[in-house]
mmCIF file of all heavy atoms, coordinates in Angstrom:
data_MODEL
# 
_entry.id   MODEL 
# 
loop_
_atom_site.group_PDB 
_atom_site.id 
_atom_site.type_symbol 
_atom_site.label_atom_id 
_atom_site.label_alt_id 
_atom_site.label_comp_id 
_atom_site.label_asym_id 
_atom_site.label_entity_id 
_atom_site.label_seq_id 
_atom_site.pdbx_PDB_ins_code 
_atom_site.Cartn_x 
_atom_site.Cartn_y 
_atom_site.Cartn_z 
_atom_site.occupancy 
_atom_site.B_iso_or_equiv 
_atom_site.pdbx_formal_charge 
_atom_site.auth_seq_id 
_atom_site.auth_comp_id 
_atom_site.auth_asym_id 
_atom_site.auth_atom_id 
_atom_site.pdbx_PDB_model_num 
ATOM 1   N N   . MET A 1 1  ? -34.942 105.406 -0.156  1.00 0.00 ? 1  MET A N   1 
ATOM 2   C CA  . MET A 1 1  ? -35.412 105.119 -1.461  1.00 0.00 ? 1  MET A CA  1 
ATOM 3   C C   . MET A 1 1  ? -34.575 105.842 -2.487  1.00 0.00 ? 1  MET A C   1 
ATOM 4   O O   . MET A 1 1  ? -33.979 106.839 -2.238  1.00 0.00 ? 1  MET A O   1 
ATOM 5   C CB  . MET A 1 1  ? -36.855 105.658 -1.517  1.00 0.00 ? 1  MET A CB  1 
ATOM 6   C CG  . MET A 1 1  ? -37.940 104.914 -0.675  1.00 0.00 ? 1  MET A CG  1 
ATOM 7   S SD  . MET A 1 1  ? -38.015 103.172 -1.374  1.00 0.00 ? 1  MET A SD  1 
ATOM 8   C CE  . MET A 1 1  ? -38.996 102.449 -0.098  1.00 0.00 ? 1  MET A CE  1 
ATOM 9   N N   . PRO A 1 2  ? -34.486 105.320 -3.750  1.00 0.00 ? 2  PRO A N   1 
ATOM 10  C CA  . PRO A 1 2  ? -33.752 105.871 -4.766  1.00 0.00 ? 2  PRO A CA  1 
ATOM 11  C C   . PRO A 1 2  ? -34.280 107.165 -5.136  1.00 0.00 ? 2  PRO A C   1 
ATOM 12  O O   . PRO A 1 2  ? -35.388 107.486 -4.899  1.00 0.00 ? 2  PRO A O   1 
ATOM 13  C CB  . PRO A 1 2  ? -33.817 104.797 -5.916  1.00 0.00 ? 2  PRO A CB  1 
ATOM 14  C CG  . PRO A 1 2  ? -35.024 104.091 -5.571  1.00 0.00 ? 2  PRO A CG  1 
ATOM 15  C CD  . PRO A 1 2  ? -35.173 104.013 -4.168  1.00 0.00 ? 2  PRO A CD  1 
ATOM 16  N N   . ALA A 1 3  ? -33.526 107.987 -5.909  1.00 0.00 ? 3  ALA A N   1 
ATOM 17  C CA  . ALA A 1 3  ? -33.922 109.217 -6.339  1.00 0.00 ? 3  ALA A CA  1 
ATOM 18  C C   . ALA A 1 3  ? -34.980 109.132 -7.338  1.00 0.00 ? 3  ALA A C   1 
ATOM 19  O O   . ALA A 1 3  ? -35.091 108.291 -8.077  1.00 0.00 ? 3  ALA A O   1 
ATOM 20  C CB  . ALA A 1 3  ? -32.734 110.081 -6.951  1.00 0.00 ? 3  ALA A CB  1 
ATOM 21  N N   . LEU A 1 4  ? -35.897 110.153 -7.328  1.00 0.00 ? 4  LEU A N   1 
ATOM 22  C CA  . LEU A 1 4  ? -36.980 110.172 -8.262  1.00 0.00 ? 4  LEU A CA  1 
ATOM 23  C C   . LEU A 1 4  ? -36.460 110.527 -9.630  1.00 0.00 ? 4  LEU A C   1 
ATOM 24  O O   . LEU A 1 4  ? -35.705 111.466 -9.909  1.00 0.00 ? 4  LEU A O   1 
ATOM 25  C CB  . LEU A 1 4  ? -37.967 111.330 -7.872  1.00 0.00 ? 4  LEU A CB  1 
ATOM 26  C CG  . LEU A 1 4  ? -39.160 111.651 -8.765  1.00 0.00 ? 4  LEU A CG  1 
ATOM 27  C CD1 . LEU A 1 4  ? -40.056 110.373 -8.765  1.00 0.00 ? 4  LEU A CD1 1 
ATOM 28  C CD2 . LEU A 1 4  ? -39.816 112.884 -8.244  1.00 0.00 ? 4  LEU A CD2 1 
ATOM 29  N N   . LEU A 1 5  ? -36.817 109.737 -10.660 1.00 0.00 ? 5  LEU A N   1 
ATOM 30  C CA  . LEU A 1 5  ? -36.438 109.999 -12.022 1.00 0.00 ? 5  LEU A CA  1 
ATOM 31  C C   . LEU A 1 5  ? -37.225 111.133 -12.522 1.00 0.00 ? 5  LEU A C   1 
ATOM 32  O O   . LEU A 1 5  ? -36.555 112.069 -13.172 1.00 0.00 ? 5  LEU A O   1 
ATOM 33  C CB  . LEU A 1 5  ? -36.717 108.709 -12.894 1.00 0.00 ? 5  LEU A CB  1 
ATOM 34  C CG  . LEU A 1 5  ? -35.844 107.426 -12.563 1.00 0.00 ? 5  LEU A CG  1 
ATOM 35  C CD1 . LEU A 1 5  ? -36.320 106.365 -13.486 1.00 0.00 ? 5  LEU A CD1 1 
ATOM 36  C CD2 . LEU A 1 5  ? -34.384 107.825 -12.764 1.00 0.00 ? 5  LEU A CD2 1 
ATOM 37  N N   . ARG A 1 6  ? -38.510 111.144 -12.500 1.00 0.00 ? 6  ARG A N   1 
ATOM 38  C CA  . ARG A 1 6  ? -39.383 112.232 -13.021 1.00 0.00 ? 6  ARG A CA  1 
ATOM 39  C C   . ARG A 1 6  ? -40.705 112.004 -12.270 1.00 0.00 ? 6  ARG A C   1 
ATOM 40  O O   . ARG A 1 6  ? -41.089 110.914 -12.164 1.00 0.00 ? 6  ARG A O   1 
ATOM 41  C CB  . ARG A 1 6  ? -39.376 112.128 -14.492 1.00 0.00 ? 6  ARG A CB  1 
ATOM 42  C CG  . ARG A 1 6  ? -40.107 113.318 -15.202 1.00 0.00 ? 6  ARG A CG  1 
ATOM 43  C CD  . ARG A 1 6  ? -39.913 113.321 -16.617 1.00 0.00 ? 6  ARG A CD  1 
ATOM 44  N NE  . ARG A 1 6  ? -40.551 114.405 -17.367 1.00 0.00 ? 6  ARG A NE  1 
ATOM 45  C CZ  . ARG A 1 6  ? -41.658 114.223 -18.164 1.00 0.00 ? 6  ARG A CZ  1 
ATOM 46  N NH1 . ARG A 1 6  ? -42.085 112.952 -18.270 1.00 0.00 ? 6  ARG A NH1 1 
ATOM 47  N NH2 . ARG A 1 6  ? -42.186 115.191 -18.728 1.00 0.00 ? 6  ARG A NH2 1 
ATOM 48  N N   . SER A 1 7  ? -41.435 113.089 -12.015 1.00 0.00 ? 7  SER A N   1 
ATOM 49  C CA  . SER A 1 7  ? -42.702 112.835 -11.406 1.00 0.00 ? 7  SER A CA  1 
ATOM 50  C C   . SER A 1 7  ? -43.697 113.888 -11.932 1.00 0.00 ? 7  SER A C   1 
ATOM 51  O O   . SER A 1 7  ? -43.475 114.822 -12.564 1.00 0.00 ? 7  SER A O   1 
ATOM 52  C CB  . SER A 1 7  ? -42.539 113.156 -9.856  1.00 0.00 ? 7  SER A CB  1 
ATOM 53  O OG  . SER A 1 7  ? -42.283 114.482 -9.656  1.00 0.00 ? 7  SER A OG  1 
ATOM 54  N N   . ALA A 1 8  ? -44.943 113.486 -11.634 1.00 0.00 ? 8  ALA A N   1 
ATOM 55  C CA  . ALA A 1 8  ? -46.005 114.520 -11.911 1.00 0.00 ? 8  ALA A CA  1 
ATOM 56  C C   . ALA A 1 8  ? -46.687 114.677 -10.489 1.00 0.00 ? 8  ALA A C   1 
ATOM 57  O O   . ALA A 1 8  ? -47.149 113.719 -9.922  1.00 0.00 ? 8  ALA A O   1 
ATOM 58  C CB  . ALA A 1 8  ? -47.001 113.893 -12.865 1.00 0.00 ? 8  ALA A CB  1 
ATOM 59  N N   . ARG A 1 9  ? -46.785 115.913 -9.996  1.00 0.00 ? 9  ARG A N   1 
ATOM 60  C CA  . ARG A 1 9  ? -47.289 116.180 -8.752  1.00 0.00 ? 9  ARG A CA  1 
ATOM 61  C C   . ARG A 1 9  ? -48.606 117.028 -8.990  1.00 0.00 ? 9  ARG A C   1 
ATOM 62  O O   . ARG A 1 9  ? -48.491 118.086 -9.626  1.00 0.00 ? 9  ARG A O   1 
ATOM 63  C CB  . ARG A 1 9  ? -46.329 117.019 -7.874  1.00 0.00 ? 9  ARG A CB  1 
ATOM 64  C CG  . ARG A 1 9  ? -45.159 116.162 -7.336  1.00 0.00 ? 9  ARG A CG  1 
ATOM 65  C CD  . ARG A 1 9  ? -44.373 117.139 -6.443  1.00 0.00 ? 9  ARG A CD  1 
ATOM 66  N NE  . ARG A 1 9  ? -43.265 116.338 -5.720  1.00 0.00 ? 9  ARG A NE  1 
ATOM 67  C CZ  . ARG A 1 9  ? -43.457 115.683 -4.562  1.00 0.00 ? 9  ARG A CZ  1 
ATOM 68  N NH1 . ARG A 1 9  ? -44.715 115.698 -4.040  1.00 0.00 ? 9  ARG A NH1 1 
ATOM 69  N NH2 . ARG A 1 9  ? -42.477 115.032 -3.999  1.00 0.00 ? 9  ARG A NH2 1 
ATOM 70  N N   . PHE A 1 10 ? -49.636 116.638 -8.409  1.00 0.00 ? 10 PHE A N   1 
ATOM 71  C CA  . PHE A 1 10 ? -50.870 117.367 -8.498  1.00 0.00 ? 10 PHE A CA  1 
ATOM 72  C C   . PHE A 1 10 ? -51.097 118.027 -7.119  1.00 0.00 ? 10 PHE A C   1 
ATOM 73  O O   . PHE A 1 10 ? -51.109 117.325 -6.119  1.00 0.00 ? 10 PHE A O   1 
ATOM 74  C CB  . PHE A 1 10 ? -52.033 116.518 -8.865  1.00 0.00 ? 10 PHE A CB  1 
ATOM 75  C CG  . PHE A 1 10 ? -51.913 115.936 -10.155 1.00 0.00 ? 10 PHE A CG  1 
ATOM 76  C CD1 . PHE A 1 10 ? -51.320 114.641 -10.339 1.00 0.00 ? 10 PHE A CD1 1 
ATOM 77  C CD2 . PHE A 1 10 ? -52.245 116.664 -11.321 1.00 0.00 ? 10 PHE A CD2 1 
ATOM 78  C CE1 . PHE A 1 10 ? -51.175 114.195 -11.585 1.00 0.00 ? 10 PHE A CE1 1 
ATOM 79  C CE2 . PHE A 1 10 ? -52.095 116.091 -12.504 1.00 0.00 ? 10 PHE A CE2 1 
ATOM 80  C CZ  . PHE A 1 10 ? -51.613 114.844 -12.689 1.00 0.00 ? 10 PHE A CZ  1 
ATOM 81  N N   . GLY A 1 11 ? -51.227 119.333 -7.086  1.00 0.00 ? 11 GLY A N   1 
ATOM 82  C CA  . GLY A 1 11 ? -51.440 120.089 -5.833  1.00 0.00 ? 11 GLY A CA  1 
ATOM 83  C C   . GLY A 1 11 ? -52.851 120.017 -5.391  1.00 0.00 ? 11 GLY A C   1 
ATOM 84  O O   . GLY A 1 11 ? -53.697 119.245 -5.943  1.00 0.00 ? 11 GLY A O   1 
ATOM 85  N N   . PRO A 1 12 ? -53.288 120.784 -4.346  1.00 0.00 ? 12 PRO A N   1 
ATOM 86  C CA  . PRO A 1 12 ? -54.614 120.708 -3.766  1.00 0.00 ? 12 PRO A CA  1 
ATOM 87  C C   . PRO A 1 12 ? -55.680 121.018 -4.863  1.00 0.00 ? 12 PRO A C   1 
ATOM 88  O O   . PRO A 1 12 ? -55.453 121.928 -5.745  1.00 0.00 ? 12 PRO A O   1 
ATOM 89  C CB  . PRO A 1 12 ? -54.505 121.825 -2.714  1.00 0.00 ? 12 PRO A CB  1 
ATOM 90  C CG  . PRO A 1 12 ? -53.048 122.023 -2.445  1.00 0.00 ? 12 PRO A CG  1 
ATOM 91  C CD  . PRO A 1 12 ? -52.381 121.686 -3.733  1.00 0.00 ? 12 PRO A CD  1 
ATOM 92  N N   . THR A 1 13 ? -56.699 120.301 -4.808  1.00 0.00 ? 13 THR A N   1 
ATOM 93  C CA  . THR A 1 13 ? -57.841 120.549 -5.645  1.00 0.00 ? 13 THR A CA  1 
ATOM 94  C C   . THR A 1 13 ? -58.882 121.526 -4.931  1.00 0.00 ? 13 THR A C   1 
ATOM 95  O O   . THR A 1 13 ? -58.704 121.828 -3.755  1.00 0.00 ? 13 THR A O   1 
ATOM 96  C CB  . THR A 1 13 ? -58.568 119.308 -6.075  1.00 0.00 ? 13 THR A CB  1 
ATOM 97  O OG1 . THR A 1 13 ? -59.242 118.776 -4.943  1.00 0.00 ? 13 THR A OG1 1 
ATOM 98  C CG2 . THR A 1 13 ? -57.541 118.280 -6.606  1.00 0.00 ? 13 THR A CG2 1 
ATOM 99  N N   . THR A 1 14 ? -59.935 121.823 -5.658  1.00 0.00 ? 14 THR A N   1 
ATOM 100 C CA  . THR A 1 14 ? -61.026 122.643 -5.013  1.00 0.00 ? 14 THR A CA  1 
ATOM 101 C C   . THR A 1 14 ? -61.812 121.723 -4.049  1.00 0.00 ? 14 THR A C   1 
ATOM 102 O O   . THR A 1 14 ? -62.645 122.215 -3.248  1.00 0.00 ? 14 THR A O   1 
ATOM 103 C CB  . THR A 1 14 ? -61.884 123.254 -6.070  1.00 0.00 ? 14 THR A CB  1 
ATOM 104 O OG1 . THR A 1 14 ? -62.354 122.198 -6.915  1.00 0.00 ? 14 THR A OG1 1 
ATOM 105 C CG2 . THR A 1 14 ? -61.101 124.327 -6.839  1.00 0.00 ? 14 THR A CG2 1 
ATOM 106 N N   . LYS A 1 15 ? -61.650 120.410 -4.203  1.00 0.00 ? 15 LYS A N   1 
ATOM 107 C CA  . LYS A 1 15 ? -62.332 119.522 -3.371  1.00 0.00 ? 15 LYS A CA  1 
ATOM 108 C C   . LYS A 1 15 ? -61.452 119.313 -2.050  1.00 0.00 ? 15 LYS A C   1 
ATOM 109 O O   . LYS A 1 15 ? -60.486 118.532 -2.016  1.00 0.00 ? 15 LYS A O   1 
ATOM 110 C CB  . LYS A 1 15 ? -62.600 118.118 -4.000  1.00 0.00 ? 15 LYS A CB  1 
ATOM 111 C CG  . LYS A 1 15 ? -63.379 118.322 -5.364  1.00 0.00 ? 15 LYS A CG  1 
ATOM 112 C CD  . LYS A 1 15 ? -63.340 116.962 -6.040  1.00 0.00 ? 15 LYS A CD  1 
ATOM 113 C CE  . LYS A 1 15 ? -63.998 117.098 -7.357  1.00 0.00 ? 15 LYS A CE  1 
ATOM 114 N NZ  . LYS A 1 15 ? -63.909 115.815 -8.119  1.00 0.00 ? 15 LYS A NZ  1 
ATOM 115 N N   . GLU A 1 16 ? -61.778 120.115 -1.045  1.00 0.00 ? 16 GLU A N   1 
ATOM 116 C CA  . GLU A 1 16 ? -60.979 120.101 0.153   1.00 0.00 ? 16 GLU A CA  1 
ATOM 117 C C   . GLU A 1 16 ? -60.986 118.644 0.793   1.00 0.00 ? 16 GLU A C   1 
ATOM 118 O O   . GLU A 1 16 ? -61.992 118.045 0.928   1.00 0.00 ? 16 GLU A O   1 
ATOM 119 C CB  . GLU A 1 16 ? -61.420 121.132 1.060   1.00 0.00 ? 16 GLU A CB  1 
ATOM 120 C CG  . GLU A 1 16 ? -61.268 122.606 0.579   1.00 0.00 ? 16 GLU A CG  1 
ATOM 121 C CD  . GLU A 1 16 ? -59.788 122.898 0.385   1.00 0.00 ? 16 GLU A CD  1 
ATOM 122 O OE1 . GLU A 1 16 ? -58.962 122.340 1.116   1.00 0.00 ? 16 GLU A OE1 1 
ATOM 123 O OE2 . GLU A 1 16 ? -59.538 123.747 -0.369  1.00 0.00 ? 16 GLU A OE2 1 
ATOM 124 N N   . ALA A 1 17 ? -59.838 118.250 1.268   1.00 0.00 ? 17 ALA A N   1 
ATOM 125 C CA  . ALA A 1 17 ? -59.844 116.968 1.978   1.00 0.00 ? 17 ALA A CA  1 
ATOM 126 C C   . ALA A 1 17 ? -58.984 117.156 3.298   1.00 0.00 ? 17 ALA A C   1 
ATOM 127 O O   . ALA A 1 17 ? -57.827 117.609 3.252   1.00 0.00 ? 17 ALA A O   1 
ATOM 128 C CB  . ALA A 1 17 ? -59.060 115.851 1.153   1.00 0.00 ? 17 ALA A CB  1 
ATOM 129 N N   . ASP A 1 18 ? -59.657 117.041 4.398   1.00 0.00 ? 18 ASP A N   1 
ATOM 130 C CA  . ASP A 1 18 ? -58.960 117.273 5.729   1.00 0.00 ? 18 ASP A CA  1 
ATOM 131 C C   . ASP A 1 18 ? -57.845 116.221 5.956   1.00 0.00 ? 18 ASP A C   1 
ATOM 132 O O   . ASP A 1 18 ? -56.818 116.577 6.438   1.00 0.00 ? 18 ASP A O   1 
ATOM 133 C CB  . ASP A 1 18 ? -60.013 117.179 6.872   1.00 0.00 ? 18 ASP A CB  1 
ATOM 134 C CG  . ASP A 1 18 ? -61.084 118.344 6.734   1.00 0.00 ? 18 ASP A CG  1 
ATOM 135 O OD1 . ASP A 1 18 ? -60.689 119.316 6.207   1.00 0.00 ? 18 ASP A OD1 1 
ATOM 136 O OD2 . ASP A 1 18 ? -62.178 118.038 7.206   1.00 0.00 ? 18 ASP A OD2 1 
ATOM 137 N N   . ASN A 1 19 ? -58.092 114.995 5.507   1.00 0.00 ? 19 ASN A N   1 
ATOM 138 C CA  . ASN A 1 19 ? -57.135 114.018 5.843   1.00 0.00 ? 19 ASN A CA  1 
ATOM 139 C C   . ASN A 1 19 ? -56.886 113.221 4.430   1.00 0.00 ? 19 ASN A C   1 
ATOM 140 O O   . ASN A 1 19 ? -57.487 112.108 4.348   1.00 0.00 ? 19 ASN A O   1 
ATOM 141 C CB  . ASN A 1 19 ? -57.516 112.973 6.877   1.00 0.00 ? 19 ASN A CB  1 
ATOM 142 C CG  . ASN A 1 19 ? -57.736 113.679 8.213   1.00 0.00 ? 19 ASN A CG  1 
ATOM 143 O OD1 . ASN A 1 19 ? -56.713 114.241 8.659   1.00 0.00 ? 19 ASN A OD1 1 
ATOM 144 N ND2 . ASN A 1 19 ? -58.946 113.747 8.691   1.00 0.00 ? 19 ASN A ND2 1 
ATOM 145 N N   . PRO A 1 20 ? -56.109 113.711 3.534   1.00 0.00 ? 20 PRO A N   1 
ATOM 146 C CA  . PRO A 1 20 ? -55.869 112.998 2.317   1.00 0.00 ? 20 PRO A CA  1 
ATOM 147 C C   . PRO A 1 20 ? -55.179 111.697 2.588   1.00 0.00 ? 20 PRO A C   1 
ATOM 148 O O   . PRO A 1 20 ? -54.344 111.595 3.428   1.00 0.00 ? 20 PRO A O   1 
ATOM 149 C CB  . PRO A 1 20 ? -54.962 113.989 1.452   1.00 0.00 ? 20 PRO A CB  1 
ATOM 150 C CG  . PRO A 1 20 ? -54.381 114.789 2.499   1.00 0.00 ? 20 PRO A CG  1 
ATOM 151 C CD  . PRO A 1 20 ? -55.452 114.983 3.572   1.00 0.00 ? 20 PRO A CD  1 
ATOM 152 N N   . MET A 1 21 ? -55.608 110.651 1.832   1.00 0.00 ? 21 MET A N   1 
ATOM 153 C CA  . MET A 1 21 ? -55.002 109.318 1.955   1.00 0.00 ? 21 MET A CA  1 
ATOM 154 C C   . MET A 1 21 ? -53.861 109.186 0.997   1.00 0.00 ? 21 MET A C   1 
ATOM 155 O O   . MET A 1 21 ? -53.954 109.291 -0.146  1.00 0.00 ? 21 MET A O   1 
ATOM 156 C CB  . MET A 1 21 ? -56.012 108.212 1.676   1.00 0.00 ? 21 MET A CB  1 
ATOM 157 C CG  . MET A 1 21 ? -55.423 106.800 1.859   1.00 0.00 ? 21 MET A CG  1 
ATOM 158 S SD  . MET A 1 21 ? -56.568 105.522 1.360   1.00 0.00 ? 21 MET A SD  1 
ATOM 159 C CE  . MET A 1 21 ? -57.768 105.568 2.792   1.00 0.00 ? 21 MET A CE  1 
ATOM 160 N N   . ALA A 1 22 ? -52.677 108.931 1.548   1.00 0.00 ? 22 ALA A N   1 
ATOM 161 C CA  . ALA A 1 22 ? -51.481 108.655 0.786   1.00 0.00 ? 22 ALA A CA  1 
ATOM 162 C C   . ALA A 1 22 ? -51.022 107.154 0.855   1.00 0.00 ? 22 ALA A C   1 
ATOM 163 O O   . ALA A 1 22 ? -51.082 106.608 1.948   1.00 0.00 ? 22 ALA A O   1 
ATOM 164 C CB  . ALA A 1 22 ? -50.330 109.586 1.279   1.00 0.00 ? 22 ALA A CB  1 
ATOM 165 N N   . LEU A 1 23 ? -50.818 106.640 -0.186  1.00 0.00 ? 23 LEU A N   1 
ATOM 166 C CA  . LEU A 1 23 ? -50.367 105.146 -0.216  1.00 0.00 ? 23 LEU A CA  1 
ATOM 167 C C   . LEU A 1 23 ? -49.078 105.071 -1.071  1.00 0.00 ? 23 LEU A C   1 
ATOM 168 O O   . LEU A 1 23 ? -48.730 105.790 -1.941  1.00 0.00 ? 23 LEU A O   1 
ATOM 169 C CB  . LEU A 1 23 ? -51.506 104.384 -1.072  1.00 0.00 ? 23 LEU A CB  1 
ATOM 170 C CG  . LEU A 1 23 ? -52.902 104.301 -0.405  1.00 0.00 ? 23 LEU A CG  1 
ATOM 171 C CD1 . LEU A 1 23 ? -53.850 103.497 -1.246  1.00 0.00 ? 23 LEU A CD1 1 
ATOM 172 C CD2 . LEU A 1 23 ? -52.831 103.827 1.067   1.00 0.00 ? 23 LEU A CD2 1 
ATOM 173 N N   . GLU A 1 24 ? -48.266 103.984 -0.552  1.00 0.00 ? 24 GLU A N   1 
ATOM 174 C CA  . GLU A 1 24 ? -47.072 103.566 -1.161  1.00 0.00 ? 24 GLU A CA  1 
ATOM 175 C C   . GLU A 1 24 ? -47.320 102.295 -1.858  1.00 0.00 ? 24 GLU A C   1 
ATOM 176 O O   . GLU A 1 24 ? -47.796 101.341 -1.239  1.00 0.00 ? 24 GLU A O   1 
ATOM 177 C CB  . GLU A 1 24 ? -45.960 103.477 -0.108  1.00 0.00 ? 24 GLU A CB  1 
ATOM 178 C CG  . GLU A 1 24 ? -44.612 103.138 -0.600  1.00 0.00 ? 24 GLU A CG  1 
ATOM 179 C CD  . GLU A 1 24 ? -43.598 103.121 0.513   1.00 0.00 ? 24 GLU A CD  1 
ATOM 180 O OE1 . GLU A 1 24 ? -43.679 102.313 1.367   1.00 0.00 ? 24 GLU A OE1 1 
ATOM 181 O OE2 . GLU A 1 24 ? -42.669 104.013 0.494   1.00 0.00 ? 24 GLU A OE2 1 
ATOM 182 N N   . ILE A 1 25 ? -46.925 102.216 -3.055  1.00 0.00 ? 25 ILE A N   1 
ATOM 183 C CA  . ILE A 1 25 ? -47.287 101.000 -3.945  1.00 0.00 ? 25 ILE A CA  1 
ATOM 184 C C   . ILE A 1 25 ? -45.949 100.399 -4.545  1.00 0.00 ? 25 ILE A C   1 
ATOM 185 O O   . ILE A 1 25 ? -45.104 101.229 -5.092  1.00 0.00 ? 25 ILE A O   1 
ATOM 186 C CB  . ILE A 1 25 ? -48.174 101.358 -5.105  1.00 0.00 ? 25 ILE A CB  1 
ATOM 187 C CG1 . ILE A 1 25 ? -49.553 101.933 -4.548  1.00 0.00 ? 25 ILE A CG1 1 
ATOM 188 C CG2 . ILE A 1 25 ? -48.476 100.114 -5.958  1.00 0.00 ? 25 ILE A CG2 1 
ATOM 189 C CD1 . ILE A 1 25 ? -50.385 102.525 -5.686  1.00 0.00 ? 25 ILE A CD1 1 
# 
């Protein structure tokens, strides 16, 4: 994949998720 131009990354929230769902769009 091409290089990321700029991103916003949100880290873990206080709402724990054992299996976070990650999607590619």
